[in-house]
Amino acid sequence: MKLLRVTIITALLAVFALPAVETSAAVSASPTSSTVLVDGNSKTFDSYNINGFNYFKLRDIAYVINGTAKQFGVDWDAANNAMTLNPGVAYVVAGGEMSGKGSATKSATLSQQKVFVTGLALGSKTPMEAYNIDGYNYFKLRDIGIVLDIGIGWDDSKNTVTIESTKGYVACQPFGKIDQAISDAAVAYYKDMFGGGDFACETHITLKTVENGNNATVYVMSLYQEFKKTGDKVEVTGGTQVPAAVTLKKDSNGVYSLVEFWVPEVGNRFNPSVQNKFPQDLWGKVDTVFYANALASENLAQATAHYNGVLFWHPIGG
């Protein structure tokens, strides 16, 4: 079946970014102690763990997934101190990739490296979190996975990071009862707002969860879409992508019920409303285009499964 891949919903998707809350203070970076599997094969990276997150060199990731469906090229603009990532383009080896694992704790400072991604309508540099260590830039692995829609997973019991070129980012994330409750709430909230489609679903990426007794507020980047099948094409008929704050109550049986499904105001009230609702440490992560490909590819997979009459990897809305 031929698929119509949706990367940016130009008619419905507004691009918003809030100012990041940054600090220039140096932090400690320890060599990543976790096993790293790339498509099931163990690889040794020069990577570091900072505040519980793993940071990798972009060129190392490009090198190990070159030749796969998730390959990307890297162009360097020395005059503007900028890197451009080109999804789908073969990576050209520059030399020095996979140079070996560091053995000592290092000092790391927030990087000012500019990164752009071909095909994303970002007005400025891509908001990927990065640190500079000994003159090299290391990027948060999950940010790389999100913006390039590469499967990034974590197995806590095995202390193992997985990088998968055959899956998208969202497909490698855990999906529990609380995630199903969020998707159900979104589908119910947006029902009848658009039209023209006969299947609806929602995908989200969780930014933070704040618990208060039996209540939990989950801050997400959410993409709701409606689809129809025309001939051999699966097409988007409407939808919206926004940051959302979803408050749920968990009962004694572990069942979640909706307390509030919050979305920001529109227009010039968007930024102030997000700042009033979202924790300050999330302001710099509210960039709708940054998440667009990862969210849209997962929704498309849900719709395709629906029209093919096959079970999806997790329950879906409709």
C-alpha atoms as a PDB file:
ATOM      1  CA  MET A   1       0.000   0.000   0.000  1.00  0.00           C
ATOM      2  CA  LYS A   2       1.291   3.431  -0.911  1.00  0.00           C
ATOM      3  CA  LEU A   3       1.418   5.782   2.074  1.00  0.00           C
ATOM      4  CA  LEU A   4       1.220   9.539   2.181  1.00  0.00           C
ATOM      5  CA  ARG A   5       3.858  10.464   4.766  1.00  0.00           C
ATOM      6  CA  VAL A   6       3.015  13.566   6.787  1.00  0.00           C
ATOM      7  CA  THR A   7       5.954  15.502   8.182  1.00  0.00           C
ATOM      8  CA  ILE A   8       4.498  18.945   8.869  1.00  0.00           C
ATOM      9  CA  ILE A   9       0.828  19.884   9.109  1.00  0.00           C
ATOM     10  CA  THR A  10       1.257  23.268   7.488  1.00  0.00           C
ATOM     11  CA  ALA A  11      -2.376  24.303   7.597  1.00  0.00           C
ATOM     12  CA  LEU A  12      -2.906  23.421  11.239  1.00  0.00           C
ATOM     13  CA  LEU A  13       0.487  23.418  12.917  1.00  0.00           C
ATOM     14  CA  ALA A  14       1.749  26.610  14.499  1.00  0.00           C
ATOM     15  CA  VAL A  15       5.430  26.844  15.357  1.00  0.00           C
ATOM     16  CA  PHE A  16       6.051  28.048  18.882  1.00  0.00           C
ATOM     17  CA  ALA A  17       9.159  28.070  21.015  1.00  0.00           C
ATOM     18  CA  LEU A  18       9.635  29.468  24.473  1.00  0.00           C
ATOM     19  CA  PRO A  19      12.926  30.831  25.760  1.00  0.00           C
ATOM     20  CA  ALA A  20      15.068  28.175  27.365  1.00  0.00           C
ATOM     21  CA  VAL A  21      16.165  28.475  30.946  1.00  0.00           C
ATOM     22  CA  GLU A  22      19.907  27.941  30.779  1.00  0.00           C
ATOM     23  CA  THR A  23      22.913  28.128  33.007  1.00  0.00           C
ATOM     24  CA  SER A  24      26.538  28.374  31.975  1.00  0.00           C
ATOM     25  CA  ALA A  25      27.868  26.677  35.096  1.00  0.00           C
ATOM     26  CA  ALA A  26      30.062  23.657  34.467  1.00  0.00           C
ATOM     27  CA  VAL A  27      28.679  20.241  35.383  1.00  0.00           C
ATOM     28  CA  SER A  28      30.253  16.828  35.875  1.00  0.00           C
ATOM     29  CA  ALA A  29      30.193  14.361  32.971  1.00  0.00           C
ATOM     30  CA  SER A  30      30.968  10.691  33.564  1.00  0.00           C
ATOM     31  CA  PRO A  31      31.658   8.156  30.802  1.00  0.00           C
ATOM     32  CA  THR A  32      28.461   6.282  29.984  1.00  0.00           C
ATOM     33  CA  SER A  33      28.475   3.034  31.964  1.00  0.00           C
ATOM     34  CA  SER A  34      25.529   1.500  30.128  1.00  0.00           C
ATOM     35  CA  THR A  35      25.762  -1.045  27.368  1.00  0.00           C
ATOM     36  CA  VAL A  36      24.760   0.510  24.030  1.00  0.00           C
ATOM     37  CA  LEU A  37      23.132  -1.715  21.407  1.00  0.00           C
ATOM     38  CA  VAL A  38      22.722  -0.494  17.836  1.00  0.00           C
ATOM     39  CA  ASP A  39      20.212  -2.708  16.039  1.00  0.00           C
ATOM     40  CA  GLY A  40      21.068  -5.423  18.532  1.00  0.00           C
ATOM     41  CA  ASN A  41      24.850  -5.131  18.217  1.00  0.00           C
ATOM     42  CA  SER A  42      26.999  -3.804  21.065  1.00  0.00           C
ATOM     43  CA  LYS A  43      28.937  -0.652  20.198  1.00  0.00           C
ATOM     44  CA  THR A  44      31.466   1.353  22.198  1.00  0.00           C
ATOM     45  CA  PHE A  45      30.880   5.108  22.068  1.00  0.00           C
ATOM     46  CA  ASP A  46      32.740   8.103  23.388  1.00  0.00           C
ATOM     47  CA  SER A  47      29.664   9.206  25.323  1.00  0.00           C
ATOM     48  CA  TYR A  48      28.935  10.749  28.707  1.00  0.00           C
ATOM     49  CA  ASN A  49      26.214  10.717  31.324  1.00  0.00           C
ATOM     50  CA  ILE A  50      25.194  14.135  32.636  1.00  0.00           C
ATOM     51  CA  ASN A  51      22.473  14.465  35.265  1.00  0.00           C
ATOM     52  CA  GLY A  52      21.119  11.033  34.408  1.00  0.00           C
ATOM     53  CA  PHE A  53      20.997  11.493  30.637  1.00  0.00           C
ATOM     54  CA  ASN A  54      23.372  10.143  27.999  1.00  0.00           C
ATOM     55  CA  TYR A  55      25.078  12.464  25.526  1.00  0.00           C
ATOM     56  CA  PHE A  56      26.643  11.364  22.233  1.00  0.00           C
ATOM     57  CA  LYS A  57      28.514  12.924  19.318  1.00  0.00           C
ATOM     58  CA  LEU A  58      26.217  13.485  16.347  1.00  0.00           C
ATOM     59  CA  ARG A  59      28.795  12.140  13.906  1.00  0.00           C
ATOM     60  CA  ASP A  60      29.110   8.895  15.861  1.00  0.00           C
ATOM     61  CA  ILE A  61      25.349   8.306  15.634  1.00  0.00           C
ATOM     62  CA  ALA A  62      25.367   9.188  11.927  1.00  0.00           C
ATOM     63  CA  TYR A  63      28.252   6.767  11.412  1.00  0.00           C
ATOM     64  CA  VAL A  64      26.680   3.732  13.088  1.00  0.00           C
ATOM     65  CA  ILE A  65      23.275   4.019  11.392  1.00  0.00           C
ATOM     66  CA  ASN A  66      24.609   4.917   7.948  1.00  0.00           C
ATOM     67  CA  GLY A  67      23.024   2.795   5.242  1.00  0.00           C
ATOM     68  CA  THR A  68      19.803   2.262   7.199  1.00  0.00           C
ATOM     69  CA  ALA A  69      16.373   3.828   6.796  1.00  0.00           C
ATOM     70  CA  LYS A  70      17.306   6.343   9.517  1.00  0.00           C
ATOM     71  CA  GLN A  71      20.620   7.482   8.039  1.00  0.00           C
ATOM     72  CA  PHE A  72      21.407  11.181   7.994  1.00  0.00           C
ATOM     73  CA  GLY A  73      24.163  13.340   6.575  1.00  0.00           C
ATOM     74  CA  VAL A  74      26.019  16.021   8.501  1.00  0.00           C
ATOM     75  CA  ASP A  75      27.164  19.268   6.876  1.00  0.00           C
ATOM     76  CA  TRP A  76      29.485  21.675   8.688  1.00  0.00           C
ATOM     77  CA  ASP A  77      29.445  25.445   8.150  1.00  0.00           C
ATOM     78  CA  ALA A  78      32.609  26.716   9.846  1.00  0.00           C
ATOM     79  CA  ALA A  79      31.857  30.367   9.092  1.00  0.00           C
ATOM     80  CA  ASN A  80      28.599  30.239  11.035  1.00  0.00           C
ATOM     81  CA  ASN A  81      29.587  27.534  13.536  1.00  0.00           C
ATOM     82  CA  ALA A  82      26.587  25.520  12.397  1.00  0.00           C
ATOM     83  CA  MET A  83      25.771  21.905  11.613  1.00  0.00           C
ATOM     84  CA  THR A  84      22.977  20.843   9.271  1.00  0.00           C
ATOM     85  CA  LEU A  85      21.518  17.353   9.555  1.00  0.00           C
ATOM     86  CA  ASN A  86      20.074  15.869   6.364  1.00  0.00           C
ATOM     87  CA  PRO A  87      17.676  12.968   7.056  1.00  0.00           C
ATOM     88  CA  GLY A  88      17.788  10.204   4.476  1.00  0.00           C
ATOM     89  CA  VAL A  89      21.165  11.290   3.094  1.00  0.00           C
ATOM     90  CA  ALA A  90      24.193   8.987   3.361  1.00  0.00           C
ATOM     91  CA  TYR A  91      26.759  10.063   5.933  1.00  0.00           C
ATOM     92  CA  VAL A  92      30.211  11.001   4.609  1.00  0.00           C
ATOM     93  CA  VAL A  93      32.937   9.868   6.993  1.00  0.00           C
ATOM     94  CA  ALA A  94      34.993  12.806   8.259  1.00  0.00           C
ATOM     95  CA  GLY A  95      37.503  10.830  10.312  1.00  0.00           C
ATOM     96  CA  GLY A  96      37.643  10.364  14.064  1.00  0.00           C
ATOM     97  CA  GLU A  97      34.226   8.737  14.414  1.00  0.00           C
ATOM     98  CA  MET A  98      33.871   6.111  17.166  1.00  0.00           C
ATOM     99  CA  SER A  99      37.194   7.175  18.634  1.00  0.00           C
ATOM    100  CA  GLY A 100      36.828   5.057  21.758  1.00  0.00           C
ATOM    101  CA  LYS A 101      35.337   5.414  25.206  1.00  0.00           C
ATOM    102  CA  GLY A 102      36.608   7.959  27.690  1.00  0.00           C
ATOM    103  CA  SER A 103      37.707   6.730  31.096  1.00  0.00           C
ATOM    104  CA  ALA A 104      37.613   9.817  33.277  1.00  0.00           C
ATOM    105  CA  THR A 105      35.033  12.211  34.641  1.00  0.00           C
ATOM    106  CA  LYS A 106      35.164  15.512  32.768  1.00  0.00           C
ATOM    107  CA  SER A 107      33.865  19.054  33.158  1.00  0.00           C
ATOM    108  CA  ALA A 108      31.048  19.933  30.746  1.00  0.00           C
ATOM    109  CA  THR A 109      29.525  23.286  29.815  1.00  0.00           C
ATOM    110  CA  LEU A 110      26.373  23.982  27.810  1.00  0.00           C
ATOM    111  CA  SER A 111      27.217  24.129  24.115  1.00  0.00           C
ATOM    112  CA  GLN A 112      26.350  27.035  21.855  1.00  0.00           C
ATOM    113  CA  GLN A 113      26.596  24.822  18.766  1.00  0.00           C
ATOM    114  CA  LYS A 114      23.891  25.644  16.215  1.00  0.00           C
ATOM    115  CA  VAL A 115      22.151  22.679  14.597  1.00  0.00           C
ATOM    116  CA  PHE A 116      19.617  22.807  11.775  1.00  0.00           C
ATOM    117  CA  VAL A 117      17.585  19.939  10.324  1.00  0.00           C
ATOM    118  CA  THR A 118      16.709  19.911   6.637  1.00  0.00           C
ATOM    119  CA  GLY A 119      12.953  19.694   6.144  1.00  0.00           C
ATOM    120  CA  LEU A 120      11.937  21.164   9.495  1.00  0.00           C
ATOM    121  CA  ALA A 121      10.524  24.666   9.503  1.00  0.00           C
ATOM    122  CA  LEU A 122      12.525  25.847  12.476  1.00  0.00           C
ATOM    123  CA  GLY A 123      13.132  29.567  12.515  1.00  0.00           C
ATOM    124  CA  SER A 124      16.357  29.202  14.453  1.00  0.00           C
ATOM    125  CA  LYS A 125      18.637  26.413  15.632  1.00  0.00           C
ATOM    126  CA  THR A 126      17.118  23.104  16.622  1.00  0.00           C
ATOM    127  CA  PRO A 127      16.597  23.059  20.424  1.00  0.00           C
ATOM    128  CA  MET A 128      18.789  20.012  21.054  1.00  0.00           C
ATOM    129  CA  GLU A 129      20.456  19.987  24.452  1.00  0.00           C
ATOM    130  CA  ALA A 130      24.217  19.691  24.143  1.00  0.00           C
ATOM    131  CA  TYR A 131      27.370  20.033  26.226  1.00  0.00           C
ATOM    132  CA  ASN A 132      30.928  20.810  25.252  1.00  0.00           C
ATOM    133  CA  ILE A 133      33.559  18.483  26.690  1.00  0.00           C
ATOM    134  CA  ASP A 134      37.215  18.989  25.781  1.00  0.00           C
ATOM    135  CA  GLY A 135      36.246  20.937  22.670  1.00  0.00           C
ATOM    136  CA  TYR A 136      33.734  18.381  21.360  1.00  0.00           C
ATOM    137  CA  ASN A 137      29.948  18.702  21.387  1.00  0.00           C
ATOM    138  CA  TYR A 138      27.857  15.913  22.889  1.00  0.00           C
ATOM    139  CA  PHE A 139      24.094  15.908  22.291  1.00  0.00           C
ATOM    140  CA  LYS A 140      21.346  14.370  24.416  1.00  0.00           C
ATOM    141  CA  LEU A 141      20.611  11.024  22.779  1.00  0.00           C
ATOM    142  CA  ARG A 142      16.867  11.343  23.271  1.00  0.00           C
ATOM    143  CA  ASP A 143      16.867  14.715  21.495  1.00  0.00           C
ATOM    144  CA  ILE A 144      18.671  13.145  18.542  1.00  0.00           C
ATOM    145  CA  GLY A 145      16.077  10.384  18.490  1.00  0.00           C
ATOM    146  CA  ILE A 146      13.126  12.767  18.640  1.00  0.00           C
ATOM    147  CA  VAL A 147      14.166  15.240  15.969  1.00  0.00           C
ATOM    148  CA  LEU A 148      15.339  12.503  13.551  1.00  0.00           C
ATOM    149  CA  ASP A 149      12.686   9.946  14.587  1.00  0.00           C
ATOM    150  CA  ILE A 150      15.224   7.272  15.499  1.00  0.00           C
ATOM    151  CA  GLY A 151      14.247   4.528  17.935  1.00  0.00           C
ATOM    152  CA  ILE A 152      15.866   5.162  21.341  1.00  0.00           C
ATOM    153  CA  GLY A 153      15.087   2.784  24.189  1.00  0.00           C
ATOM    154  CA  TRP A 154      16.197   2.001  27.718  1.00  0.00           C
ATOM    155  CA  ASP A 155      16.219  -1.306  29.608  1.00  0.00           C
ATOM    156  CA  ASP A 156      16.728  -0.455  33.267  1.00  0.00           C
ATOM    157  CA  SER A 157      17.076  -4.076  34.367  1.00  0.00           C
ATOM    158  CA  LYS A 158      19.981  -4.575  31.954  1.00  0.00           C
ATOM    159  CA  ASN A 159      21.412  -1.042  32.163  1.00  0.00           C
ATOM    160  CA  THR A 160      21.202  -0.952  28.387  1.00  0.00           C
ATOM    161  CA  VAL A 161      20.568   1.807  25.855  1.00  0.00           C
ATOM    162  CA  THR A 162      19.126   0.728  22.515  1.00  0.00           C
ATOM    163  CA  ILE A 163      19.348   2.565  19.198  1.00  0.00           C
ATOM    164  CA  GLU A 164      17.071   1.104  16.522  1.00  0.00           C
ATOM    165  CA  SER A 165      17.094   2.134  12.876  1.00  0.00           C
ATOM    166  CA  THR A 166      13.978   0.120  12.036  1.00  0.00           C
ATOM    167  CA  LYS A 167      11.686   1.946  14.460  1.00  0.00           C
ATOM    168  CA  GLY A 168      10.613   5.482  15.185  1.00  0.00           C
ATOM    169  CA  TYR A 169      11.295   7.257  18.466  1.00  0.00           C
ATOM    170  CA  VAL A 170       7.833   6.829  19.999  1.00  0.00           C
ATOM    171  CA  ALA A 171       7.646   3.113  19.167  1.00  0.00           C
ATOM    172  CA  CYS A 172      10.612   2.504  21.500  1.00  0.00           C
ATOM    173  CA  GLN A 173       9.079   4.312  24.474  1.00  0.00           C
ATOM    174  CA  PRO A 174       7.121   2.522  27.220  1.00  0.00           C
ATOM    175  CA  PHE A 175       3.359   2.804  26.866  1.00  0.00           C
ATOM    176  CA  GLY A 176       1.366   2.267  30.032  1.00  0.00           C
ATOM    177  CA  LYS A 177      -2.117   2.814  31.375  1.00  0.00           C
ATOM    178  CA  ILE A 178      -1.424   6.490  31.976  1.00  0.00           C
ATOM    179  CA  ASP A 179      -0.405   6.940  28.335  1.00  0.00           C
ATOM    180  CA  GLN A 180      -3.589   5.256  27.152  1.00  0.00           C
ATOM    181  CA  ALA A 181      -5.583   7.559  29.426  1.00  0.00           C
ATOM    182  CA  ILE A 182      -3.861  10.604  27.901  1.00  0.00           C
ATOM    183  CA  SER A 183      -4.569   9.420  24.346  1.00  0.00           C
ATOM    184  CA  ASP A 184      -8.188   8.631  25.193  1.00  0.00           C
ATOM    185  CA  ALA A 185      -8.619  12.078  26.757  1.00  0.00           C
ATOM    186  CA  ALA A 186      -7.146  13.790  23.697  1.00  0.00           C
ATOM    187  CA  VAL A 187      -9.352  11.893  21.255  1.00  0.00           C
ATOM    188  CA  ALA A 188     -12.432  12.740  23.344  1.00  0.00           C
ATOM    189  CA  TYR A 189     -11.402  16.393  23.675  1.00  0.00           C
ATOM    190  CA  TYR A 190     -10.902  16.979  19.948  1.00  0.00           C
ATOM    191  CA  LYS A 191     -13.777  14.828  18.698  1.00  0.00           C
ATOM    192  CA  ASP A 192     -15.966  16.669  16.161  1.00  0.00           C
ATOM    193  CA  MET A 193     -13.588  19.670  15.984  1.00  0.00           C
ATOM    194  CA  PHE A 194     -12.287  18.780  12.542  1.00  0.00           C
ATOM    195  CA  GLY A 195     -14.078  16.462  10.156  1.00  0.00           C
ATOM    196  CA  GLY A 196     -13.631  14.590   6.929  1.00  0.00           C
ATOM    197  CA  GLY A 197     -11.865  11.635   8.526  1.00  0.00           C
ATOM    198  CA  ASP A 198     -13.151   8.303   9.785  1.00  0.00           C
ATOM    199  CA  PHE A 199     -10.306   7.401  12.149  1.00  0.00           C
ATOM    200  CA  ALA A 200      -8.738   9.495  14.911  1.00  0.00           C
ATOM    201  CA  CYS A 201      -5.690   8.915  17.096  1.00  0.00           C
ATOM    202  CA  GLU A 202      -3.208  10.741  19.297  1.00  0.00           C
ATOM    203  CA  THR A 203       0.496  10.358  20.007  1.00  0.00           C
ATOM    204  CA  HIS A 204       2.445  12.201  22.694  1.00  0.00           C
ATOM    205  CA  ILE A 205       5.939  12.507  24.072  1.00  0.00           C
ATOM    206  CA  THR A 206       6.083  13.004  27.820  1.00  0.00           C
ATOM    207  CA  LEU A 207       8.234  15.885  29.018  1.00  0.00           C
ATOM    208  CA  LYS A 208       7.595  15.555  32.739  1.00  0.00           C
ATOM    209  CA  THR A 209       5.210  13.970  35.238  1.00  0.00           C
ATOM    210  CA  VAL A 210       4.394  15.654  38.546  1.00  0.00           C
ATOM    211  CA  GLU A 211       2.557  13.550  41.135  1.00  0.00           C
ATOM    212  CA  ASN A 212       0.431  14.956  43.951  1.00  0.00           C
ATOM    213  CA  GLY A 213      -1.193  12.245  46.024  1.00  0.00           C
ATOM    214  CA  ASN A 214      -3.447  10.191  43.748  1.00  0.00           C
ATOM    215  CA  ASN A 215      -3.261  12.840  41.047  1.00  0.00           C
ATOM    216  CA  ALA A 216      -0.600  13.098  38.351  1.00  0.00           C
ATOM    217  CA  THR A 217      -0.126  15.957  35.913  1.00  0.00           C
ATOM    218  CA  VAL A 218       1.647  14.852  32.766  1.00  0.00           C
ATOM    219  CA  TYR A 219       3.213  17.539  30.570  1.00  0.00           C
ATOM    220  CA  VAL A 220       3.342  16.326  26.987  1.00  0.00           C
ATOM    221  CA  MET A 221       3.842  17.345  23.400  1.00  0.00           C
ATOM    222  CA  SER A 222       0.703  15.967  21.779  1.00  0.00           C
ATOM    223  CA  LEU A 223      -0.346  15.397  18.177  1.00  0.00           C
ATOM    224  CA  TYR A 224      -3.997  14.586  17.431  1.00  0.00           C
ATOM    225  CA  GLN A 225      -4.910  13.661  13.857  1.00  0.00           C
ATOM    226  CA  GLU A 226      -7.846  12.388  11.856  1.00  0.00           C
ATOM    227  CA  PHE A 227      -7.384  10.189   8.793  1.00  0.00           C
ATOM    228  CA  LYS A 228      -9.190   8.724   5.823  1.00  0.00           C
ATOM    229  CA  LYS A 229      -8.198   6.194   3.210  1.00  0.00           C
ATOM    230  CA  THR A 230      -8.602   7.236  -0.399  1.00  0.00           C
ATOM    231  CA  GLY A 231      -7.756   4.455  -2.804  1.00  0.00           C
ATOM    232  CA  ASP A 232      -4.384   3.172  -1.675  1.00  0.00           C
ATOM    233  CA  LYS A 233      -3.455   6.326   0.259  1.00  0.00           C
ATOM    234  CA  VAL A 234      -3.815   7.031   3.957  1.00  0.00           C
ATOM    235  CA  GLU A 235      -4.347  10.766   4.293  1.00  0.00           C
ATOM    236  CA  VAL A 236      -4.590  13.280   7.130  1.00  0.00           C
ATOM    237  CA  THR A 237      -7.825  15.257   7.100  1.00  0.00           C
ATOM    238  CA  GLY A 238      -7.225  17.409  10.164  1.00  0.00           C
ATOM    239  CA  GLY A 239      -5.511  17.678  13.492  1.00  0.00           C
ATOM    240  CA  THR A 240      -3.484  19.787  15.861  1.00  0.00           C
ATOM    241  CA  GLN A 241      -0.164  19.615  17.658  1.00  0.00           C
ATOM    242  CA  VAL A 242       0.200  21.423  20.969  1.00  0.00           C
ATOM    243  CA  PRO A 243       1.820  21.134  24.367  1.00  0.00           C
ATOM    244  CA  ALA A 244      -0.753  19.798  26.815  1.00  0.00           C
ATOM    245  CA  ALA A 245      -0.972  19.354  30.573  1.00  0.00           C
ATOM    246  CA  VAL A 246      -3.122  16.356  31.431  1.00  0.00           C
ATOM    247  CA  THR A 247      -4.137  15.800  35.054  1.00  0.00           C
ATOM    248  CA  LEU A 248      -5.370  12.329  35.924  1.00  0.00           C
ATOM    249  CA  LYS A 249      -6.586  10.681  39.108  1.00  0.00           C
ATOM    250  CA  LYS A 250      -5.612   7.084  39.880  1.00  0.00           C
ATOM    251  CA  ASP A 251      -8.009   4.962  41.899  1.00  0.00           C
ATOM    252  CA  SER A 252      -7.261   1.976  44.127  1.00  0.00           C
ATOM    253  CA  ASN A 253      -7.518  -0.374  41.139  1.00  0.00           C
ATOM    254  CA  GLY A 254      -4.939   1.561  39.158  1.00  0.00           C
ATOM    255  CA  VAL A 255      -7.527   3.031  36.797  1.00  0.00           C
ATOM    256  CA  TYR A 256      -7.008   6.616  35.646  1.00  0.00           C
ATOM    257  CA  SER A 257      -9.800   9.153  35.273  1.00  0.00           C
ATOM    258  CA  LEU A 258      -9.469  12.585  33.705  1.00  0.00           C
ATOM    259  CA  VAL A 259      -9.361  15.643  35.943  1.00  0.00           C
ATOM    260  CA  GLU A 260      -8.241  18.220  33.387  1.00  0.00           C
ATOM    261  CA  PHE A 261      -7.076  18.266  29.772  1.00  0.00           C
ATOM    262  CA  TRP A 262      -5.345  21.624  29.350  1.00  0.00           C
ATOM    263  CA  VAL A 263      -4.137  23.179  26.119  1.00  0.00           C
ATOM    264  CA  PRO A 264      -2.661  26.666  25.681  1.00  0.00           C
ATOM    265  CA  GLU A 265      -4.414  29.730  24.401  1.00  0.00           C
ATOM    266  CA  VAL A 266      -3.807  30.702  20.789  1.00  0.00           C
ATOM    267  CA  GLY A 267      -2.122  33.665  19.141  1.00  0.00           C
ATOM    268  CA  ASN A 268      -0.082  36.049  21.262  1.00  0.00           C
ATOM    269  CA  ARG A 269      -1.424  34.412  24.422  1.00  0.00           C
ATOM    270  CA  PHE A 270       0.256  31.087  23.596  1.00  0.00           C
ATOM    271  CA  ASN A 271       3.615  31.725  25.254  1.00  0.00           C
ATOM    272  CA  PRO A 272       2.248  33.413  28.396  1.00  0.00           C
ATOM    273  CA  SER A 273      -0.322  30.662  28.919  1.00  0.00           C
ATOM    274  CA  VAL A 274       2.324  27.930  28.604  1.00  0.00           C
ATOM    275  CA  GLN A 275       4.608  29.779  31.006  1.00  0.00           C
ATOM    276  CA  ASN A 276       1.766  30.049  33.499  1.00  0.00           C
ATOM    277  CA  LYS A 277       0.994  26.330  33.290  1.00  0.00           C
ATOM    278  CA  PHE A 278       4.251  24.502  32.553  1.00  0.00           C
ATOM    279  CA  PRO A 279       7.183  24.161  34.958  1.00  0.00           C
ATOM    280  CA  GLN A 280       9.936  26.606  34.094  1.00  0.00           C
ATOM    281  CA  ASP A 281      12.426  23.866  33.259  1.00  0.00           C
ATOM    282  CA  LEU A 282      10.177  22.846  30.353  1.00  0.00           C
ATOM    283  CA  TRP A 283       9.838  26.222  28.683  1.00  0.00           C
ATOM    284  CA  GLY A 284      12.749  25.614  26.327  1.00  0.00           C
ATOM    285  CA  LYS A 285      11.328  22.229  25.291  1.00  0.00           C
ATOM    286  CA  VAL A 286       8.029  23.554  23.960  1.00  0.00           C
ATOM    287  CA  ASP A 287       8.846  23.651  20.257  1.00  0.00           C
ATOM    288  CA  THR A 288       6.158  21.973  18.182  1.00  0.00           C
ATOM    289  CA  VAL A 289       8.214  21.383  15.024  1.00  0.00           C
ATOM    290  CA  PHE A 290      10.999  19.680  16.981  1.00  0.00           C
ATOM    291  CA  TYR A 291       8.611  16.790  17.755  1.00  0.00           C
ATOM    292  CA  ALA A 292       6.647  16.832  14.482  1.00  0.00           C
ATOM    293  CA  ASN A 293       8.236  13.925  12.601  1.00  0.00           C
ATOM    294  CA  ALA A 294       8.371  11.556  15.570  1.00  0.00           C
ATOM    295  CA  LEU A 295       4.729  12.187  16.472  1.00  0.00           C
ATOM    296  CA  ALA A 296       3.382  12.169  12.906  1.00  0.00           C
ATOM    297  CA  SER A 297       5.117   8.921  11.956  1.00  0.00           C
ATOM    298  CA  GLU A 298       3.579   7.150  14.949  1.00  0.00           C
ATOM    299  CA  ASN A 299       0.095   8.447  14.166  1.00  0.00           C
ATOM    300  CA  LEU A 300       0.512   7.321  10.569  1.00  0.00           C
ATOM    301  CA  ALA A 301       1.522   3.867  11.800  1.00  0.00           C
ATOM    302  CA  GLN A 302      -1.617   3.728  13.964  1.00  0.00           C
ATOM    303  CA  ALA A 303      -3.831   4.742  11.046  1.00  0.00           C
ATOM    304  CA  THR A 304      -2.154   2.267   8.702  1.00  0.00           C
ATOM    305  CA  ALA A 305      -2.681  -0.548  11.189  1.00  0.00           C
ATOM    306  CA  HIS A 306      -6.337   0.434  11.507  1.00  0.00           C
ATOM    307  CA  TYR A 307      -6.992   0.398   7.770  1.00  0.00           C
ATOM    308  CA  ASN A 308      -5.076  -2.851   7.336  1.00  0.00           C
ATOM    309  CA  GLY A 309      -7.124  -4.463  10.083  1.00  0.00           C
ATOM    310  CA  VAL A 310      -4.100  -5.507  12.111  1.00  0.00           C
ATOM    311  CA  LEU A 311      -3.307  -5.081  15.788  1.00  0.00           C
ATOM    312  CA  PHE A 312      -1.107  -2.132  16.676  1.00  0.00           C
ATOM    313  CA  TRP A 313       1.660  -2.390  19.271  1.00  0.00           C
ATOM    314  CA  HIS A 314      -0.515  -0.597  21.807  1.00  0.00           C
ATOM    315  CA  PRO A 315      -4.247   0.199  22.010  1.00  0.00           C
ATOM    316  CA  ILE A 316      -5.351   3.031  19.761  1.00  0.00           C
ATOM    317  CA  GLY A 317      -8.076   5.623  19.646  1.00  0.00           C
ATOM    318  CA  GLY A 318     -10.664   5.663  16.950  1.00  0.00           C
END
